[in-house]
Amino acid sequence: MNTTIAMPANHAAQRIVRHFQEAGFPGISEALVIRIRLKKADRHKIEAAFERAADQGAAPPVGEYFEIRPYGFYSELRDFAQAKAEVTADFGISLRRQLPSIYFDAAPVIVEDALATGTQYDALIKLSNNTPDYAVAVLLNDPTSSFFEYMENHRGNDWQKLVGEFGAAATAFNEAGDLF
C-alpha cells in the first residue's frame, strides 16, 4: 500500500479501491478521502461566486469558501506525498466546480470529470450526509472510465458496507494539512 501518512480513513480508501477492482474494474487505482468544511457564506452566495468564476473562465474560489483536508488515501501508483503535490492539477476544475453540490446536497452525490486522464480524479462522491461541521467525500481515479457504468448498475446499500468506518474515523481526524 502506498500510504506514508497515517490518516483515519486510509483503510476505507483501500477498501473502496479493492471493492471496485473485485467488481471487475481494475482501472480504479486510487481513492483520496477528503473532509470538506465550510469557511463562510451560505449556499446561495457560494454558488453565485462559483458561477461568476465559471463565466469568467477562472478556477472556482474553493479556498475562499471551503477548507479541504485529506482524510484517507490509497493508491497503487503513487504515495501520498506525490498525490498531495499534484492535487491542484489532479482535482480538476470541473470537479471543483461541483463542491457546493457535494457539500450542501444530501447523500449520495456523485459528480464526474469525463475528460480526466492519467492521475486526474474522475469522480467525486459524497457517500453519507454531513456531520454538523463537515462533509466527507471520495476522489476516485479511474483511467479506464468504467466507474460510472458500474454505478448505474449498483446503486443502493453496498455504499454503507464500503464506507462503514467513516463515522468512527471522523472522531479521530489526523491533521494532515489543507489541500488548497
N, C-alpha and C. Protein backbone atom coordinates (compact mmCIF):
# COMPACT_ATOMS: atom_id res chain seq x y z
N MET A 1 0.85 -1.17 0.00
CA MET A 1 0.00 0.00 0.00
C MET A 1 0.89 1.23 0.00
N ASN A 2 0.59 2.20 -0.85
CA ASN A 2 1.37 3.42 -0.95
C ASN A 2 0.77 4.53 -0.11
N THR A 3 0.77 4.37 1.18
CA THR A 3 0.28 5.37 2.11
C THR A 3 1.36 5.58 3.15
N THR A 4 1.93 6.78 3.18
CA THR A 4 3.02 7.01 4.11
C THR A 4 2.60 7.82 5.32
N ILE A 5 1.46 8.45 5.29
CA ILE A 5 0.96 9.23 6.42
C ILE A 5 -0.28 8.52 6.96
N ALA A 6 -0.29 8.27 8.26
CA ALA A 6 -1.44 7.60 8.88
C ALA A 6 -2.60 8.59 8.97
N MET A 7 -3.71 8.25 8.33
CA MET A 7 -4.93 9.05 8.38
C MET A 7 -6.08 8.12 8.75
N PRO A 8 -7.11 8.64 9.38
CA PRO A 8 -8.20 7.80 9.88
C PRO A 8 -8.90 6.95 8.83
N ALA A 9 -8.97 7.41 7.59
CA ALA A 9 -9.74 6.67 6.59
C ALA A 9 -8.86 5.99 5.54
N ASN A 10 -7.59 5.75 5.84
CA ASN A 10 -6.74 5.03 4.89
C ASN A 10 -7.31 3.66 4.56
N HIS A 11 -7.76 2.95 5.58
CA HIS A 11 -8.31 1.61 5.34
C HIS A 11 -9.58 1.69 4.48
N ALA A 12 -10.41 2.69 4.73
CA ALA A 12 -11.63 2.85 3.93
C ALA A 12 -11.27 3.15 2.48
N ALA A 13 -10.25 3.98 2.24
CA ALA A 13 -9.82 4.28 0.87
C ALA A 13 -9.37 3.00 0.17
N GLN A 14 -8.61 2.17 0.87
CA GLN A 14 -8.17 0.91 0.28
C GLN A 14 -9.36 -0.01 0.00
N ARG A 15 -10.31 -0.07 0.93
CA ARG A 15 -11.50 -0.91 0.73
C ARG A 15 -12.30 -0.46 -0.49
N ILE A 16 -12.39 0.84 -0.70
CA ILE A 16 -13.13 1.36 -1.86
C ILE A 16 -12.44 0.92 -3.15
N VAL A 17 -11.14 1.10 -3.23
CA VAL A 17 -10.40 0.69 -4.43
C VAL A 17 -10.55 -0.81 -4.65
N ARG A 18 -10.32 -1.60 -3.61
CA ARG A 18 -10.41 -3.07 -3.74
C ARG A 18 -11.82 -3.53 -4.13
N HIS A 19 -12.83 -2.90 -3.57
CA HIS A 19 -14.21 -3.27 -3.90
C HIS A 19 -14.45 -3.15 -5.40
N PHE A 20 -14.08 -2.03 -5.98
CA PHE A 20 -14.33 -1.83 -7.40
C PHE A 20 -13.45 -2.73 -8.25
N GLN A 21 -12.22 -2.97 -7.82
CA GLN A 21 -11.38 -3.89 -8.57
C GLN A 21 -11.97 -5.29 -8.57
N GLU A 22 -12.46 -5.74 -7.42
CA GLU A 22 -13.07 -7.07 -7.32
C GLU A 22 -14.37 -7.15 -8.10
N ALA A 23 -15.02 -6.00 -8.30
CA ALA A 23 -16.26 -5.97 -9.08
C ALA A 23 -15.98 -5.95 -10.58
N GLY A 24 -14.69 -6.01 -10.96
CA GLY A 24 -14.34 -6.10 -12.37
C GLY A 24 -13.82 -4.81 -12.97
N PHE A 25 -13.36 -3.87 -12.13
CA PHE A 25 -12.86 -2.61 -12.63
C PHE A 25 -11.43 -2.38 -12.16
N PRO A 26 -10.47 -3.07 -12.77
CA PRO A 26 -9.09 -2.99 -12.32
C PRO A 26 -8.47 -1.61 -12.52
N GLY A 27 -9.08 -0.77 -13.34
CA GLY A 27 -8.54 0.56 -13.59
C GLY A 27 -8.67 1.51 -12.41
N ILE A 28 -9.58 1.23 -11.50
CA ILE A 28 -9.72 2.10 -10.33
C ILE A 28 -8.53 1.81 -9.43
N SER A 29 -7.64 2.79 -9.35
CA SER A 29 -6.36 2.55 -8.69
C SER A 29 -6.09 3.46 -7.51
N GLU A 30 -6.92 4.48 -7.30
CA GLU A 30 -6.63 5.43 -6.24
C GLU A 30 -7.91 6.02 -5.68
N ALA A 31 -7.92 6.21 -4.36
CA ALA A 31 -9.00 6.90 -3.67
C ALA A 31 -8.39 7.86 -2.67
N LEU A 32 -8.83 9.10 -2.71
CA LEU A 32 -8.43 10.12 -1.75
C LEU A 32 -9.69 10.56 -1.02
N VAL A 33 -9.77 10.24 0.25
CA VAL A 33 -10.91 10.62 1.07
C VAL A 33 -10.61 12.01 1.63
N ILE A 34 -11.56 12.92 1.47
CA ILE A 34 -11.35 14.30 1.93
C ILE A 34 -12.46 14.73 2.87
N ARG A 35 -12.09 15.65 3.76
CA ARG A 35 -13.06 16.30 4.63
C ARG A 35 -13.22 17.73 4.15
N ILE A 36 -14.46 18.14 3.97
CA ILE A 36 -14.77 19.47 3.46
C ILE A 36 -15.50 20.24 4.55
N ARG A 37 -14.90 21.36 4.95
CA ARG A 37 -15.51 22.21 5.98
C ARG A 37 -15.84 23.55 5.35
N LEU A 38 -17.02 24.07 5.67
CA LEU A 38 -17.45 25.37 5.19
C LEU A 38 -16.74 26.46 5.99
N LYS A 39 -16.12 27.41 5.29
CA LYS A 39 -15.43 28.52 5.96
C LYS A 39 -16.37 29.68 6.22
N LYS A 40 -17.18 30.02 5.20
CA LYS A 40 -18.07 31.17 5.33
C LYS A 40 -19.15 31.11 4.27
N ALA A 41 -20.15 31.94 4.46
CA ALA A 41 -21.23 32.16 3.50
C ALA A 41 -22.25 31.02 3.50
N ASP A 42 -23.28 31.20 2.70
CA ASP A 42 -24.32 30.19 2.56
C ASP A 42 -24.31 29.66 1.12
N ARG A 43 -25.13 28.70 0.88
CA ARG A 43 -25.14 28.04 -0.43
C ARG A 43 -25.35 29.03 -1.57
N HIS A 44 -26.31 29.92 -1.41
CA HIS A 44 -26.63 30.86 -2.48
C HIS A 44 -25.41 31.72 -2.85
N LYS A 45 -24.72 32.26 -1.87
CA LYS A 45 -23.56 33.11 -2.13
C LYS A 45 -22.41 32.31 -2.74
N ILE A 46 -22.22 31.11 -2.24
CA ILE A 46 -21.12 30.27 -2.76
C ILE A 46 -21.40 29.86 -4.20
N GLU A 47 -22.62 29.43 -4.48
CA GLU A 47 -22.95 29.04 -5.86
C GLU A 47 -22.81 30.23 -6.81
N ALA A 48 -23.21 31.43 -6.36
CA ALA A 48 -23.07 32.62 -7.20
C ALA A 48 -21.60 32.91 -7.48
N ALA A 49 -20.75 32.77 -6.47
CA ALA A 49 -19.31 33.00 -6.65
C ALA A 49 -18.71 31.96 -7.61
N PHE A 50 -19.11 30.71 -7.47
CA PHE A 50 -18.61 29.66 -8.35
C PHE A 50 -19.09 29.90 -9.78
N GLU A 51 -20.34 30.33 -9.96
CA GLU A 51 -20.86 30.62 -11.30
C GLU A 51 -20.14 31.80 -11.94
N ARG A 52 -19.86 32.85 -11.16
CA ARG A 52 -19.11 34.01 -11.68
C ARG A 52 -17.73 33.55 -12.17
N ALA A 53 -17.08 32.73 -11.38
CA ALA A 53 -15.76 32.22 -11.79
C ALA A 53 -15.86 31.43 -13.09
N ALA A 54 -16.87 30.59 -13.21
CA ALA A 54 -17.05 29.80 -14.43
C ALA A 54 -17.31 30.71 -15.62
N ASP A 55 -18.15 31.74 -15.44
CA ASP A 55 -18.45 32.68 -16.52
C ASP A 55 -17.21 33.43 -16.98
N GLN A 56 -16.28 33.66 -16.07
CA GLN A 56 -15.05 34.38 -16.38
C GLN A 56 -13.93 33.44 -16.83
N GLY A 57 -14.21 32.14 -16.86
CA GLY A 57 -13.21 31.16 -17.25
C GLY A 57 -12.13 30.97 -16.21
N ALA A 58 -12.44 31.31 -14.96
CA ALA A 58 -11.48 31.20 -13.87
C ALA A 58 -11.75 29.95 -13.03
N ALA A 59 -10.76 29.57 -12.26
CA ALA A 59 -10.93 28.45 -11.33
C ALA A 59 -11.93 28.88 -10.24
N PRO A 60 -12.72 27.95 -9.74
CA PRO A 60 -13.66 28.29 -8.67
C PRO A 60 -12.92 28.69 -7.40
N PRO A 61 -13.50 29.59 -6.60
CA PRO A 61 -12.83 30.07 -5.38
C PRO A 61 -12.94 29.09 -4.21
N VAL A 62 -12.41 27.91 -4.40
CA VAL A 62 -12.53 26.83 -3.42
C VAL A 62 -11.97 27.25 -2.06
N GLY A 63 -10.74 27.75 -2.04
CA GLY A 63 -10.08 28.10 -0.79
C GLY A 63 -10.75 29.22 -0.02
N GLU A 64 -11.50 30.05 -0.71
CA GLU A 64 -12.20 31.15 -0.05
C GLU A 64 -13.38 30.64 0.78
N TYR A 65 -14.04 29.60 0.30
CA TYR A 65 -15.27 29.13 0.94
C TYR A 65 -15.16 27.79 1.65
N PHE A 66 -14.19 26.97 1.24
CA PHE A 66 -14.08 25.62 1.81
C PHE A 66 -12.66 25.33 2.28
N GLU A 67 -12.57 24.59 3.36
CA GLU A 67 -11.31 24.00 3.79
C GLU A 67 -11.40 22.52 3.42
N ILE A 68 -10.41 22.05 2.69
CA ILE A 68 -10.41 20.66 2.25
C ILE A 68 -9.14 20.01 2.80
N ARG A 69 -9.34 18.97 3.60
CA ARG A 69 -8.21 18.27 4.21
C ARG A 69 -8.25 16.79 3.83
N PRO A 70 -7.08 16.21 3.63
CA PRO A 70 -7.04 14.77 3.37
C PRO A 70 -7.48 14.01 4.62
N TYR A 71 -8.17 12.92 4.38
CA TYR A 71 -8.73 12.13 5.48
C TYR A 71 -8.35 10.67 5.37
N GLY A 72 -8.05 10.26 4.15
CA GLY A 72 -7.63 8.89 3.89
C GLY A 72 -7.10 8.80 2.48
N PHE A 73 -6.20 7.87 2.25
CA PHE A 73 -5.59 7.76 0.93
C PHE A 73 -5.13 6.33 0.69
N TYR A 74 -5.35 5.89 -0.56
CA TYR A 74 -4.79 4.63 -1.01
C TYR A 74 -4.54 4.75 -2.51
N SER A 75 -3.38 4.31 -2.92
CA SER A 75 -3.05 4.31 -4.34
C SER A 75 -2.10 3.17 -4.64
N GLU A 76 -2.26 2.61 -5.82
CA GLU A 76 -1.34 1.58 -6.29
C GLU A 76 -0.23 2.19 -7.13
N LEU A 77 -0.34 3.49 -7.44
CA LEU A 77 0.59 4.11 -8.37
C LEU A 77 1.53 5.12 -7.76
N ARG A 78 1.13 5.74 -6.65
CA ARG A 78 1.97 6.78 -6.06
C ARG A 78 1.71 6.87 -4.57
N ASP A 79 2.61 7.56 -3.88
CA ASP A 79 2.41 7.72 -2.45
C ASP A 79 1.67 9.03 -2.17
N PHE A 80 1.31 9.24 -0.92
CA PHE A 80 0.51 10.40 -0.55
C PHE A 80 1.23 11.71 -0.84
N ALA A 81 2.54 11.75 -0.61
CA ALA A 81 3.30 12.99 -0.87
C ALA A 81 3.19 13.39 -2.33
N GLN A 82 3.28 12.41 -3.24
CA GLN A 82 3.14 12.70 -4.66
C GLN A 82 1.73 13.17 -4.98
N ALA A 83 0.73 12.49 -4.44
CA ALA A 83 -0.66 12.87 -4.71
C ALA A 83 -0.96 14.27 -4.19
N LYS A 84 -0.48 14.58 -2.99
CA LYS A 84 -0.73 15.90 -2.42
C LYS A 84 -0.03 16.99 -3.24
N ALA A 85 1.17 16.71 -3.72
CA ALA A 85 1.90 17.69 -4.52
C ALA A 85 1.20 17.97 -5.85
N GLU A 86 0.45 17.01 -6.35
CA GLU A 86 -0.21 17.14 -7.65
C GLU A 86 -1.71 17.38 -7.55
N VAL A 87 -2.24 17.58 -6.33
CA VAL A 87 -3.68 17.66 -6.15
C VAL A 87 -4.32 18.81 -6.91
N THR A 88 -3.64 19.93 -7.05
CA THR A 88 -4.23 21.05 -7.77
C THR A 88 -4.51 20.68 -9.22
N ALA A 89 -3.61 19.94 -9.83
CA ALA A 89 -3.82 19.51 -11.22
C ALA A 89 -4.77 18.31 -11.30
N ASP A 90 -4.68 17.40 -10.34
CA ASP A 90 -5.46 16.16 -10.40
C ASP A 90 -6.91 16.33 -9.96
N PHE A 91 -7.19 17.27 -9.08
CA PHE A 91 -8.55 17.58 -8.64
C PHE A 91 -9.01 18.69 -9.58
N GLY A 92 -9.48 18.25 -10.76
CA GLY A 92 -9.75 19.16 -11.86
C GLY A 92 -10.83 20.20 -11.57
N ILE A 93 -10.80 21.23 -12.38
CA ILE A 93 -11.73 22.35 -12.23
C ILE A 93 -13.17 21.89 -12.35
N SER A 94 -13.46 20.96 -13.26
CA SER A 94 -14.86 20.53 -13.41
C SER A 94 -15.38 19.85 -12.14
N LEU A 95 -14.53 19.11 -11.42
CA LEU A 95 -14.95 18.53 -10.14
C LEU A 95 -15.03 19.60 -9.06
N ARG A 96 -14.06 20.51 -9.04
CA ARG A 96 -14.07 21.58 -8.03
C ARG A 96 -15.30 22.48 -8.17
N ARG A 97 -15.76 22.67 -9.39
CA ARG A 97 -16.97 23.49 -9.60
C ARG A 97 -18.19 22.87 -8.95
N GLN A 98 -18.15 21.58 -8.69
CA GLN A 98 -19.28 20.88 -8.09
C GLN A 98 -19.22 20.81 -6.56
N LEU A 99 -18.22 21.42 -5.95
CA LEU A 99 -18.10 21.36 -4.49
C LEU A 99 -19.32 21.89 -3.74
N PRO A 100 -19.98 22.98 -4.19
CA PRO A 100 -21.19 23.40 -3.46
C PRO A 100 -22.24 22.29 -3.43
N SER A 101 -22.43 21.60 -4.53
CA SER A 101 -23.39 20.49 -4.57
C SER A 101 -22.94 19.35 -3.65
N ILE A 102 -21.66 19.02 -3.71
CA ILE A 102 -21.14 17.95 -2.85
C ILE A 102 -21.36 18.32 -1.39
N TYR A 103 -21.08 19.54 -1.03
CA TYR A 103 -21.20 19.94 0.37
C TYR A 103 -22.66 20.06 0.83
N PHE A 104 -23.49 20.72 0.04
CA PHE A 104 -24.84 21.07 0.51
C PHE A 104 -25.92 20.02 0.21
N ASP A 105 -25.77 19.21 -0.82
CA ASP A 105 -26.81 18.24 -1.17
C ASP A 105 -26.77 17.03 -0.24
N ALA A 106 -27.91 16.39 -0.08
CA ALA A 106 -27.99 15.16 0.70
C ALA A 106 -27.33 14.02 -0.09
N ALA A 107 -26.69 13.13 0.64
CA ALA A 107 -26.01 11.97 0.03
C ALA A 107 -27.02 10.97 -0.51
N PRO A 108 -26.64 10.19 -1.47
CA PRO A 108 -25.36 10.19 -2.16
C PRO A 108 -25.32 11.26 -3.26
N VAL A 109 -24.15 11.86 -3.46
CA VAL A 109 -23.92 12.82 -4.52
C VAL A 109 -22.71 12.33 -5.30
N ILE A 110 -22.85 12.25 -6.60
CA ILE A 110 -21.79 11.74 -7.46
C ILE A 110 -21.61 12.71 -8.62
N VAL A 111 -20.39 13.19 -8.80
CA VAL A 111 -20.08 14.04 -9.95
C VAL A 111 -18.87 13.45 -10.65
N GLU A 112 -18.78 13.69 -11.95
CA GLU A 112 -17.69 13.11 -12.72
C GLU A 112 -16.98 14.15 -13.57
N ASP A 113 -15.76 13.85 -13.91
CA ASP A 113 -15.00 14.62 -14.88
C ASP A 113 -14.72 13.67 -16.03
N ALA A 114 -15.56 13.75 -17.05
CA ALA A 114 -15.47 12.82 -18.18
C ALA A 114 -14.18 13.00 -18.97
N LEU A 115 -13.51 14.14 -18.82
CA LEU A 115 -12.29 14.40 -19.57
C LEU A 115 -11.02 14.12 -18.79
N ALA A 116 -11.15 13.61 -17.58
CA ALA A 116 -9.97 13.31 -16.75
C ALA A 116 -9.12 12.23 -17.40
N THR A 117 -7.82 12.41 -17.30
CA THR A 117 -6.89 11.42 -17.84
C THR A 117 -5.75 11.22 -16.84
N GLY A 118 -5.02 10.15 -17.00
CA GLY A 118 -3.85 9.89 -16.17
C GLY A 118 -4.19 9.87 -14.69
N THR A 119 -3.47 10.68 -13.91
CA THR A 119 -3.68 10.70 -12.46
C THR A 119 -4.80 11.64 -12.02
N GLN A 120 -5.45 12.31 -12.97
CA GLN A 120 -6.57 13.19 -12.62
C GLN A 120 -7.72 12.36 -12.08
N TYR A 121 -8.40 12.93 -11.09
CA TYR A 121 -9.55 12.24 -10.50
C TYR A 121 -10.74 12.31 -11.43
N ASP A 122 -11.40 11.16 -11.60
CA ASP A 122 -12.54 11.04 -12.50
C ASP A 122 -13.86 11.29 -11.81
N ALA A 123 -13.91 11.09 -10.51
CA ALA A 123 -15.19 11.19 -9.80
C ALA A 123 -14.98 11.76 -8.40
N LEU A 124 -16.00 12.47 -7.93
CA LEU A 124 -16.07 12.96 -6.56
C LEU A 124 -17.40 12.50 -6.02
N ILE A 125 -17.35 11.78 -4.91
CA ILE A 125 -18.54 11.12 -4.37
C ILE A 125 -18.72 11.45 -2.89
N LYS A 126 -19.92 11.88 -2.54
CA LYS A 126 -20.26 12.01 -1.12
C LYS A 126 -21.20 10.86 -0.80
N LEU A 127 -20.76 9.99 0.08
CA LEU A 127 -21.48 8.76 0.36
C LEU A 127 -22.42 8.85 1.55
N SER A 128 -22.19 9.81 2.45
CA SER A 128 -23.05 9.94 3.62
C SER A 128 -23.32 11.42 3.86
N ASN A 129 -24.38 11.71 4.59
CA ASN A 129 -24.72 13.10 4.87
C ASN A 129 -23.69 13.73 5.79
N ASN A 130 -23.65 15.05 5.76
CA ASN A 130 -22.68 15.82 6.55
C ASN A 130 -22.88 15.61 8.05
N THR A 131 -21.80 15.78 8.78
CA THR A 131 -21.88 15.95 10.23
C THR A 131 -22.17 17.44 10.43
N PRO A 132 -22.35 17.91 11.66
CA PRO A 132 -22.56 19.35 11.83
C PRO A 132 -21.40 20.22 11.33
N ASP A 133 -20.19 19.69 11.29
CA ASP A 133 -19.02 20.51 10.96
C ASP A 133 -18.42 20.28 9.57
N TYR A 134 -18.68 19.16 8.94
CA TYR A 134 -18.00 18.87 7.68
C TYR A 134 -18.73 17.80 6.88
N ALA A 135 -18.29 17.68 5.62
CA ALA A 135 -18.74 16.61 4.73
C ALA A 135 -17.52 15.75 4.43
N VAL A 136 -17.74 14.48 4.21
CA VAL A 136 -16.68 13.56 3.80
C VAL A 136 -17.01 13.10 2.38
N ALA A 137 -16.00 13.17 1.51
CA ALA A 137 -16.19 12.76 0.12
C ALA A 137 -14.96 11.98 -0.34
N VAL A 138 -15.09 11.31 -1.48
CA VAL A 138 -14.01 10.49 -2.03
C VAL A 138 -13.72 10.92 -3.45
N LEU A 139 -12.46 11.17 -3.74
CA LEU A 139 -12.00 11.39 -5.10
C LEU A 139 -11.48 10.06 -5.62
N LEU A 140 -11.96 9.64 -6.78
CA LEU A 140 -11.54 8.36 -7.37
C LEU A 140 -10.82 8.57 -8.69
N ASN A 141 -9.78 7.80 -8.91
CA ASN A 141 -9.08 7.80 -10.18
C ASN A 141 -9.44 6.51 -10.91
N ASP A 142 -9.96 6.66 -12.11
CA ASP A 142 -10.34 5.51 -12.93
C ASP A 142 -9.97 5.78 -14.38
N PRO A 143 -8.71 5.56 -14.75
CA PRO A 143 -8.29 5.83 -16.13
C PRO A 143 -9.09 5.06 -17.17
N THR A 144 -9.72 3.94 -16.80
CA THR A 144 -10.49 3.17 -17.77
C THR A 144 -11.91 3.69 -17.94
N SER A 145 -12.32 4.63 -17.09
CA SER A 145 -13.64 5.27 -17.15
C SER A 145 -14.80 4.28 -17.07
N SER A 146 -14.61 3.18 -16.39
CA SER A 146 -15.69 2.20 -16.26
C SER A 146 -16.51 2.41 -14.98
N PHE A 147 -16.09 3.36 -14.14
CA PHE A 147 -16.74 3.56 -12.86
C PHE A 147 -18.21 3.90 -12.99
N PHE A 148 -18.55 4.84 -13.86
CA PHE A 148 -19.95 5.26 -13.94
C PHE A 148 -20.84 4.19 -14.55
N GLU A 149 -20.27 3.34 -15.36
CA GLU A 149 -21.00 2.17 -15.84
C GLU A 149 -21.36 1.28 -14.65
N TYR A 150 -20.40 1.09 -13.75
CA TYR A 150 -20.64 0.32 -12.53
C TYR A 150 -21.73 0.96 -11.69
N MET A 151 -21.64 2.28 -11.51
CA MET A 151 -22.60 2.98 -10.65
C MET A 151 -24.04 2.82 -11.14
N GLU A 152 -24.22 2.85 -12.43
CA GLU A 152 -25.57 2.71 -12.97
C GLU A 152 -26.18 1.35 -12.61
N ASN A 153 -25.34 0.35 -12.43
CA ASN A 153 -25.82 -1.00 -12.14
C ASN A 153 -25.82 -1.38 -10.67
N HIS A 154 -25.20 -0.58 -9.79
CA HIS A 154 -25.04 -0.98 -8.39
C HIS A 154 -25.41 0.13 -7.39
N ARG A 155 -26.44 0.86 -7.65
CA ARG A 155 -26.86 1.88 -6.68
C ARG A 155 -27.51 1.17 -5.49
N GLY A 156 -27.32 1.75 -4.30
CA GLY A 156 -28.02 1.18 -3.17
C GLY A 156 -27.17 0.94 -1.95
N ASN A 157 -27.49 -0.12 -1.24
CA ASN A 157 -26.98 -0.33 0.11
C ASN A 157 -25.51 -0.72 0.22
N ASP A 158 -24.86 -1.14 -0.86
CA ASP A 158 -23.47 -1.55 -0.68
C ASP A 158 -22.55 -0.37 -0.36
N TRP A 159 -23.02 0.87 -0.53
CA TRP A 159 -22.22 2.02 -0.10
C TRP A 159 -21.99 2.00 1.40
N GLN A 160 -23.00 1.65 2.17
CA GLN A 160 -22.83 1.59 3.63
C GLN A 160 -21.77 0.57 4.00
N LYS A 161 -21.75 -0.56 3.32
CA LYS A 161 -20.75 -1.58 3.58
C LYS A 161 -19.34 -1.09 3.22
N LEU A 162 -19.24 -0.36 2.09
CA LEU A 162 -17.95 0.13 1.64
C LEU A 162 -17.32 1.14 2.60
N VAL A 163 -18.11 2.00 3.17
CA VAL A 163 -17.56 3.11 3.96
C VAL A 163 -18.08 3.11 5.38
N GLY A 164 -18.35 1.95 5.92
CA GLY A 164 -18.89 1.84 7.26
C GLY A 164 -18.04 2.48 8.32
N GLU A 165 -16.74 2.59 8.10
CA GLU A 165 -15.87 3.14 9.13
C GLU A 165 -15.71 4.66 9.05
N PHE A 166 -16.34 5.34 8.10
CA PHE A 166 -16.18 6.80 8.02
C PHE A 166 -16.61 7.47 9.31
N GLY A 167 -17.73 7.11 9.86
CA GLY A 167 -18.23 7.74 11.08
C GLY A 167 -17.29 7.58 12.24
N ALA A 168 -16.80 6.37 12.43
CA ALA A 168 -15.87 6.13 13.53
C ALA A 168 -14.55 6.85 13.30
N ALA A 169 -14.09 6.86 12.07
CA ALA A 169 -12.83 7.52 11.77
C ALA A 169 -12.93 9.03 11.94
N ALA A 170 -14.10 9.59 11.76
CA ALA A 170 -14.28 11.04 11.85
C ALA A 170 -13.91 11.57 13.23
N THR A 171 -14.08 10.77 14.24
CA THR A 171 -13.76 11.24 15.59
C THR A 171 -12.27 11.26 15.86
N ALA A 172 -11.48 10.63 14.99
CA ALA A 172 -10.04 10.55 15.20
C ALA A 172 -9.27 11.25 14.08
N PHE A 173 -9.82 12.32 13.53
CA PHE A 173 -9.22 13.02 12.40
C PHE A 173 -7.78 13.45 12.68
N ASN A 174 -6.90 13.12 11.77
CA ASN A 174 -5.48 13.47 11.88
C ASN A 174 -5.23 14.68 10.98
N GLU A 175 -4.73 15.77 11.54
CA GLU A 175 -4.44 16.98 10.77
C GLU A 175 -3.29 16.71 9.83
N ALA A 176 -3.57 16.58 8.55
CA ALA A 176 -2.52 16.34 7.56
C ALA A 176 -2.33 17.56 6.66
N GLY A 177 -2.95 18.67 6.97
CA GLY A 177 -2.77 19.89 6.19
C GLY A 177 -3.85 20.10 5.15
N ASP A 178 -4.20 21.34 4.94
CA ASP A 178 -5.20 21.74 3.95
C ASP A 178 -4.69 21.42 2.56
N LEU A 179 -5.54 20.95 1.66
CA LEU A 179 -5.13 20.63 0.31
C LEU A 179 -5.14 21.84 -0.61
N PHE A 180 -5.94 22.86 -0.29
CA PHE A 180 -6.00 24.05 -1.14
C PHE A 180 -5.65 25.28 -0.35
